[in-house]
PDB file of N, CA and C in Angstrom:
ATOM      1  N   UNK A   1     144.404 -79.808 119.668  1.00  0.00           N
ATOM      2  CA  UNK A   1     144.638 -80.715 120.767  1.00  0.00           C
ATOM      3  C   UNK A   1     143.331 -81.437 121.097  1.00  0.00           C
ATOM      4  N   UNK A   2     143.441 -82.694 121.383  1.00  0.00           N
ATOM      5  CA  UNK A   2     142.281 -83.528 121.677  1.00  0.00           C
ATOM      6  C   UNK A   2     142.293 -83.960 123.135  1.00  0.00           C
ATOM      7  N   UNK A   3     141.118 -84.090 123.711  1.00  0.00           N
ATOM      8  CA  UNK A   3     140.954 -84.626 125.058  1.00  0.00           C
ATOM      9  C   UNK A   3     140.124 -85.901 124.937  1.00  0.00           C
ATOM     10  N   UNK A   4     140.622 -86.971 125.509  1.00  0.00           N
ATOM     11  CA  UNK A   4     139.961 -88.274 125.424  1.00  0.00           C
ATOM     12  C   UNK A   4     139.376 -88.665 126.774  1.00  0.00           C
ATOM     13  N   UNK A   5     138.162 -89.189 126.745  1.00  0.00           N
ATOM     14  CA  UNK A   5     137.568 -89.836 127.922  1.00  0.00           C
ATOM     15  C   UNK A   5     137.225 -91.256 127.508  1.00  0.00           C
ATOM     16  N   UNK A   6     136.613 -91.996 128.395  1.00  0.00           N
ATOM     17  CA  UNK A   6     136.248 -93.375 128.056  1.00  0.00           C
ATOM     18  C   UNK A   6     135.311 -93.448 126.857  1.00  0.00           C
ATOM     19  N   UNK A   7     134.371 -92.499 126.750  1.00  0.00           N
ATOM     20  CA  UNK A   7     133.330 -92.576 125.727  1.00  0.00           C
ATOM     21  C   UNK A   7     133.365 -91.462 124.692  1.00  0.00           C
ATOM     22  N   UNK A   8     134.176 -90.421 124.915  1.00  0.00           N
ATOM     23  CA  UNK A   8     134.155 -89.276 124.005  1.00  0.00           C
ATOM     24  C   UNK A   8     135.552 -88.795 123.643  1.00  0.00           C
ATOM     25  N   UNK A   9     135.602 -88.016 122.572  1.00  0.00           N
ATOM     26  CA  UNK A   9     136.797 -87.290 122.155  1.00  0.00           C
ATOM     27  C   UNK A   9     136.372 -85.846 121.955  1.00  0.00           C
ATOM     28  N   UNK A  10     137.150 -84.912 122.479  1.00  0.00           N
ATOM     29  CA  UNK A  10     136.848 -83.491 122.316  1.00  0.00           C
ATOM     30  C   UNK A  10     137.996 -82.810 121.594  1.00  0.00           C
ATOM     31  N   UNK A  11     137.653 -82.084 120.555  1.00  0.00           N
ATOM     32  CA  UNK A  11     138.615 -81.246 119.849  1.00  0.00           C
ATOM     33  C   UNK A  11     138.557 -79.882 120.529  1.00  0.00           C
ATOM     34  N   UNK A  12     139.575 -79.580 121.326  1.00  0.00           N
ATOM     35  CA  UNK A  12     139.557 -78.335 122.100  1.00  0.00           C
ATOM     36  C   UNK A  12     139.616 -77.107 121.200  1.00  0.00           C
ATOM     37  N   UNK A  13     140.273 -77.209 120.067  1.00  0.00           N
ATOM     38  CA  UNK A  13     140.381 -76.073 119.152  1.00  0.00           C
ATOM     39  C   UNK A  13     139.040 -75.768 118.486  1.00  0.00           C
ATOM     40  N   UNK A  14     138.381 -76.810 117.983  1.00  0.00           N
ATOM     41  CA  UNK A  14     137.114 -76.622 117.273  1.00  0.00           C
ATOM     42  C   UNK A  14     135.915 -76.563 118.215  1.00  0.00           C
ATOM     43  N   UNK A  15     136.096 -77.051 119.450  1.00  0.00           N
ATOM     44  CA  UNK A  15     134.996 -77.069 120.393  1.00  0.00           C
ATOM     45  C   UNK A  15     133.967 -78.137 120.091  1.00  0.00           C
ATOM     46  N   UNK A  16     134.368 -79.167 119.348  1.00  0.00           N
ATOM     47  CA  UNK A  16     133.453 -80.254 118.991  1.00  0.00           C
ATOM     48  C   UNK A  16     133.767 -81.499 119.805  1.00  0.00           C
ATOM     49  N   UNK A  17     132.737 -82.269 120.108  1.00  0.00           N
ATOM     50  CA  UNK A  17     132.891 -83.529 120.811  1.00  0.00           C
ATOM     51  C   UNK A  17     132.167 -84.603 120.011  1.00  0.00           C
ATOM     52  N   UNK A  18     132.724 -85.791 119.986  1.00  0.00           N
ATOM     53  CA  UNK A  18     132.060 -86.907 119.333  1.00  0.00           C
ATOM     54  C   UNK A  18     132.314 -88.162 120.134  1.00  0.00           C
ATOM     55  N   UNK A  19     131.571 -89.208 119.814  1.00  0.00           N
ATOM     56  CA  UNK A  19     131.738 -90.466 120.526  1.00  0.00           C
ATOM     57  C   UNK A  19     133.084 -91.075 120.147  1.00  0.00           C
ATOM     58  N   UNK A  20     133.718 -91.684 121.115  1.00  0.00           N
ATOM     59  CA  UNK A  20     135.023 -92.296 120.856  1.00  0.00           C
ATOM     60  C   UNK A  20     134.879 -93.479 119.900  1.00  0.00           C
ATOM     61  N   UNK A  21     133.779 -94.198 120.042  1.00  0.00           N
ATOM     62  CA  UNK A  21     133.460 -95.298 119.128  1.00  0.00           C
ATOM     63  C   UNK A  21     132.731 -94.696 117.928  1.00  0.00           C
ATOM     64  N   UNK A  22     133.379 -94.686 116.797  1.00  0.00           N
ATOM     65  CA  UNK A  22     132.797 -94.059 115.602  1.00  0.00           C
ATOM     66  C   UNK A  22     131.602 -94.822 115.060  1.00  0.00           C
ATOM     67  N   UNK A  23     131.363 -96.020 115.547  1.00  0.00           N
ATOM     68  CA  UNK A  23     130.238 -96.815 115.046  1.00  0.00           C
ATOM     69  C   UNK A  23     129.458 -97.416 116.217  1.00  0.00           C
ATOM     70  N   UNK A  24     129.024 -96.576 117.124  1.00  0.00           N
ATOM     71  CA  UNK A  24     128.311 -97.103 118.290  1.00  0.00           C
ATOM     72  C   UNK A  24     126.980 -97.744 117.915  1.00  0.00           C
ATOM     73  N   UNK A  25     126.444 -97.376 116.774  1.00  0.00           N
ATOM     74  CA  UNK A  25     125.198 -98.001 116.313  1.00  0.00           C
ATOM     75  C   UNK A  25     125.462 -99.397 115.763  1.00  0.00           C
ATOM     76  N   UNK A  26     126.699 -99.657 115.395  1.00  0.00           N
ATOM     77  CA  UNK A  26     127.134-100.954 114.853  1.00  0.00           C
ATOM     78  C   UNK A  26     126.425-101.336 113.556  1.00  0.00           C
ATOM     79  N   UNK A  27     126.005-100.321 112.797  1.00  0.00           N
ATOM     80  CA  UNK A  27     125.379-100.587 111.502  1.00  0.00           C
ATOM     81  C   UNK A  27     125.334 -99.295 110.695  1.00  0.00           C
ATOM     82  N   UNK A  28     125.191 -99.444 109.403  1.00  0.00           N
ATOM     83  CA  UNK A  28     124.969 -98.284 108.535  1.00  0.00           C
ATOM     84  C   UNK A  28     123.512 -97.868 108.666  1.00  0.00           C
ATOM     85  N   UNK A  29     123.267 -96.585 108.523  1.00  0.00           N
ATOM     86  CA  UNK A  29     121.884 -96.127 108.593  1.00  0.00           C
ATOM     87  C   UNK A  29     121.699 -94.886 107.742  1.00  0.00           C
ATOM     88  N   UNK A  30     120.463 -94.645 107.365  1.00  0.00           N
ATOM     89  CA  UNK A  30     120.154 -93.444 106.600  1.00  0.00           C
ATOM     90  C   UNK A  30     119.995 -92.263 107.557  1.00  0.00           C
ATOM     91  N   UNK A  31     119.796 -91.081 106.991  1.00  0.00           N
ATOM     92  CA  UNK A  31     119.707 -89.849 107.785  1.00  0.00           C
ATOM     93  C   UNK A  31     118.581 -89.929 108.819  1.00  0.00           C
ATOM     94  N   UNK A  32     117.428 -90.403 108.393  1.00  0.00           N
ATOM     95  CA  UNK A  32     116.275 -90.507 109.293  1.00  0.00           C
ATOM     96  C   UNK A  32     116.576 -91.427 110.467  1.00  0.00           C
ATOM     97  N   UNK A  33     117.150 -92.591 110.190  1.00  0.00           N
ATOM     98  CA  UNK A  33     117.480 -93.533 111.260  1.00  0.00           C
ATOM     99  C   UNK A  33     118.570 -92.983 112.174  1.00  0.00           C
ATOM    100  N   UNK A  34     119.521 -92.245 111.603  1.00  0.00           N
ATOM    101  CA  UNK A  34     120.573 -91.624 112.415  1.00  0.00           C
ATOM    102  C   UNK A  34     119.966 -90.612 113.382  1.00  0.00           C
ATOM    103  N   UNK A  35     119.001 -89.829 112.921  1.00  0.00           N
ATOM    104  CA  UNK A  35     118.335 -88.872 113.802  1.00  0.00           C
ATOM    105  C   UNK A  35     117.593 -89.581 114.934  1.00  0.00           C
ATOM    106  N   UNK A  36     116.943 -90.692 114.628  1.00  0.00           N
ATOM    107  CA  UNK A  36     116.253 -91.476 115.660  1.00  0.00           C
ATOM    108  C   UNK A  36     117.262 -92.049 116.652  1.00  0.00           C
ATOM    109  N   UNK A  37     118.403 -92.515 116.152  1.00  0.00           N
ATOM    110  CA  UNK A  37     119.434 -93.075 117.020  1.00  0.00           C
ATOM    111  C   UNK A  37     119.965 -92.001 117.970  1.00  0.00           C
ATOM    112  N   UNK A  38     120.196 -90.809 117.456  1.00  0.00           N
ATOM    113  CA  UNK A  38     120.688 -89.705 118.286  1.00  0.00           C
ATOM    114  C   UNK A  38     119.651 -89.328 119.341  1.00  0.00           C
ATOM    115  N   UNK A  39     118.392 -89.387 118.975  1.00  0.00           N
ATOM    116  CA  UNK A  39     117.331 -89.113 119.954  1.00  0.00           C
ATOM    117  C   UNK A  39     117.438 -90.095 121.121  1.00  0.00           C
ATOM    118  N   UNK A  40     117.726 -91.358 120.820  1.00  0.00           N
ATOM    119  CA  UNK A  40     117.898 -92.372 121.869  1.00  0.00           C
ATOM    120  C   UNK A  40     119.136 -92.082 122.720  1.00  0.00           C
ATOM    121  N   UNK A  41     120.240 -91.676 122.074  1.00  0.00           N
ATOM    122  CA  UNK A  41     121.447 -91.326 122.834  1.00  0.00           C
ATOM    123  C   UNK A  41     121.139 -90.210 123.827  1.00  0.00           C
ATOM    124  N   UNK A  42     120.394 -89.205 123.362  1.00  0.00           N
ATOM    125  CA  UNK A  42     120.046 -88.091 124.226  1.00  0.00           C
ATOM    126  C   UNK A  42     119.122 -88.519 125.362  1.00  0.00           C
ATOM    127  N   UNK A  43     118.185 -89.395 125.062  1.00  0.00           N
ATOM    128  CA  UNK A  43     117.271 -89.896 126.087  1.00  0.00           C
ATOM    129  C   UNK A  43     118.037 -90.673 127.159  1.00  0.00           C
ATOM    130  N   UNK A  44     119.051 -91.423 126.733  1.00  0.00           N
ATOM    131  CA  UNK A  44     119.868 -92.222 127.656  1.00  0.00           C
ATOM    132  C   UNK A  44     120.979 -91.401 128.315  1.00  0.00           C
ATOM    133  N   UNK A  45     121.153 -90.151 127.878  1.00  0.00           N
ATOM    134  CA  UNK A  45     122.249 -89.292 128.343  1.00  0.00           C
ATOM    135  C   UNK A  45     123.589 -89.998 128.175  1.00  0.00           C
ATOM    136  N   UNK A  46     123.813 -90.439 126.947  1.00  0.00           N
ATOM    137  CA  UNK A  46     125.058 -91.143 126.625  1.00  0.00           C
ATOM    138  C   UNK A  46     126.254 -90.298 127.041  1.00  0.00           C
ATOM    139  N   UNK A  47     127.165 -90.901 127.783  1.00  0.00           N
ATOM    140  CA  UNK A  47     128.388 -90.268 128.289  1.00  0.00           C
ATOM    141  C   UNK A  47     128.077 -89.044 129.152  1.00  0.00           C
ATOM    142  N   UNK A  48     126.849 -88.968 129.678  1.00  0.00           N
ATOM    143  CA  UNK A  48     126.469 -87.869 130.542  1.00  0.00           C
ATOM    144  C   UNK A  48     125.926 -86.649 129.818  1.00  0.00           C
ATOM    145  N   UNK A  49     125.697 -86.759 128.522  1.00  0.00           N
ATOM    146  CA  UNK A  49     125.223 -85.621 127.725  1.00  0.00           C
ATOM    147  C   UNK A  49     123.871 -85.935 127.090  1.00  0.00           C
ATOM    148  N   UNK A  50     123.072 -84.917 126.907  1.00  0.00           N
ATOM    149  CA  UNK A  50     121.775 -85.096 126.245  1.00  0.00           C
ATOM    150  C   UNK A  50     121.584 -84.091 125.115  1.00  0.00           C
ATOM    151  N   UNK A  51     122.712 -83.650 124.527  1.00  0.00           N
ATOM    152  CA  UNK A  51     122.623 -82.697 123.416  1.00  0.00           C
ATOM    153  C   UNK A  51     123.403 -83.182 122.191  1.00  0.00           C
ATOM    154  N   UNK A  52     123.414 -84.496 121.986  1.00  0.00           N
ATOM    155  CA  UNK A  52     124.087 -85.061 120.815  1.00  0.00           C
ATOM    156  C   UNK A  52     123.333 -84.661 119.558  1.00  0.00           C
ATOM    157  N   UNK A  53     124.069 -84.493 118.460  1.00  0.00           N
ATOM    158  CA  UNK A  53     123.462 -84.145 117.177  1.00  0.00           C
ATOM    159  C   UNK A  53     124.409 -84.579 116.070  1.00  0.00           C
ATOM    160  N   UNK A  54     123.893 -84.599 114.858  1.00  0.00           N
ATOM    161  CA  UNK A  54     124.745 -84.857 113.709  1.00  0.00           C
ATOM    162  C   UNK A  54     125.522 -83.584 113.388  1.00  0.00           C
ATOM    163  N   UNK A  55     126.724 -83.715 112.852  1.00  0.00           N
ATOM    164  CA  UNK A  55     127.475 -82.509 112.488  1.00  0.00           C
ATOM    165  C   UNK A  55     126.827 -81.808 111.304  1.00  0.00           C
ATOM    166  N   UNK A  56     127.039 -80.500 111.235  1.00  0.00           N
ATOM    167  CA  UNK A  56     126.599 -79.760 110.060  1.00  0.00           C
ATOM    168  C   UNK A  56     127.519 -80.141 108.899  1.00  0.00           C
ATOM    169  N   UNK A  57     127.119 -79.777 107.711  1.00  0.00           N
ATOM    170  CA  UNK A  57     127.946 -80.049 106.527  1.00  0.00           C
ATOM    171  C   UNK A  57     129.327 -79.415 106.701  1.00  0.00           C
ATOM    172  N   UNK A  58     129.371 -78.191 107.191  1.00  0.00           N
ATOM    173  CA  UNK A  58     130.637 -77.481 107.372  1.00  0.00           C
ATOM    174  C   UNK A  58     131.509 -78.159 108.426  1.00  0.00           C
ATOM    175  N   UNK A  59     130.897 -78.585 109.534  1.00  0.00           N
ATOM    176  CA  UNK A  59     131.657 -79.284 110.583  1.00  0.00           C
ATOM    177  C   UNK A  59     132.225 -80.593 110.058  1.00  0.00           C
ATOM    178  N   UNK A  60     131.428 -81.317 109.298  1.00  0.00           N
ATOM    179  CA  UNK A  60     131.889 -82.577 108.738  1.00  0.00           C
ATOM    180  C   UNK A  60     133.054 -82.359 107.783  1.00  0.00           C
ATOM    181  N   UNK A  61     132.972 -81.326 106.961  1.00  0.00           N
ATOM    182  CA  UNK A  61     134.075 -81.024 106.048  1.00  0.00           C
ATOM    183  C   UNK A  61     135.348 -80.694 106.829  1.00  0.00           C
ATOM    184  N   UNK A  62     135.223 -79.960 107.922  1.00  0.00           N
ATOM    185  CA  UNK A  62     136.375 -79.633 108.760  1.00  0.00           C
ATOM    186  C   UNK A  62     136.985 -80.891 109.358  1.00  0.00           C
ATOM    187  N   UNK A  63     136.142 -81.787 109.859  1.00  0.00           N
ATOM    188  CA  UNK A  63     136.648 -83.028 110.449  1.00  0.00           C
ATOM    189  C   UNK A  63     137.373 -83.882 109.408  1.00  0.00           C
ATOM    190  N   UNK A  64     136.820 -83.964 108.209  1.00  0.00           N
ATOM    191  CA  UNK A  64     137.452 -84.732 107.137  1.00  0.00           C
ATOM    192  C   UNK A  64     138.775 -84.097 106.753  1.00  0.00           C
ATOM    193  N   UNK A  65     138.822 -82.771 106.663  1.00  0.00           N
ATOM    194  CA  UNK A  65     140.052 -82.074 106.318  1.00  0.00           C
ATOM    195  C   UNK A  65     141.121 -82.288 107.384  1.00  0.00           C
ATOM    196  N   UNK A  66     140.731 -82.248 108.657  1.00  0.00           N
ATOM    197  CA  UNK A  66     141.687 -82.479 109.745  1.00  0.00           C
ATOM    198  C   UNK A  66     142.215 -83.899 109.694  1.00  0.00           C
ATOM    199  N   UNK A  67     141.356 -84.853 109.380  1.00  0.00           N
ATOM    200  CA  UNK A  67     141.761 -86.252 109.299  1.00  0.00           C
ATOM    201  C   UNK A  67     142.784 -86.446 108.191  1.00  0.00           C
ATOM    202  N   UNK A  68     142.606 -85.763 107.068  1.00  0.00           N
ATOM    203  CA  UNK A  68     143.539 -85.937 105.945  1.00  0.00           C
ATOM    204  C   UNK A  68     144.908 -85.363 106.266  1.00  0.00           C
ATOM    205  N   UNK A  69     144.993 -84.440 107.216  1.00  0.00           N
ATOM    206  CA  UNK A  69     146.278 -83.867 107.624  1.00  0.00           C
ATOM    207  C   UNK A  69     147.052 -84.776 108.566  1.00  0.00           C
ATOM    208  N   UNK A  70     146.374 -85.738 109.154  1.00  0.00           N
ATOM    209  CA  UNK A  70     147.017 -86.628 110.148  1.00  0.00           C
ATOM    210  C   UNK A  70     147.813 -87.709 109.471  1.00  0.00           C
TER     211      UNK A  70
END
C-alpha cells in the first residue's frame, strides 16, 4: 500500500519513501552529481526531511521488481 503526499510517495510495506517527482533534478546525472544533489535536498529539507539518500542496490532491485508487477 502506498501513501501519497504533495511531494512524496511512501511504500508502507517496504518502509521506503521517495520523491513523487521521479526527476526533480530535471536532468541525467552521474553518481557523484546525484550525491551532491541529495546533499542539497537535505540542506533544503525537501518535503520536510533531511535524510534523503540514494537507494541501496537491493532496494533498487525491489522497487524495479514491484514496478514490473504493476
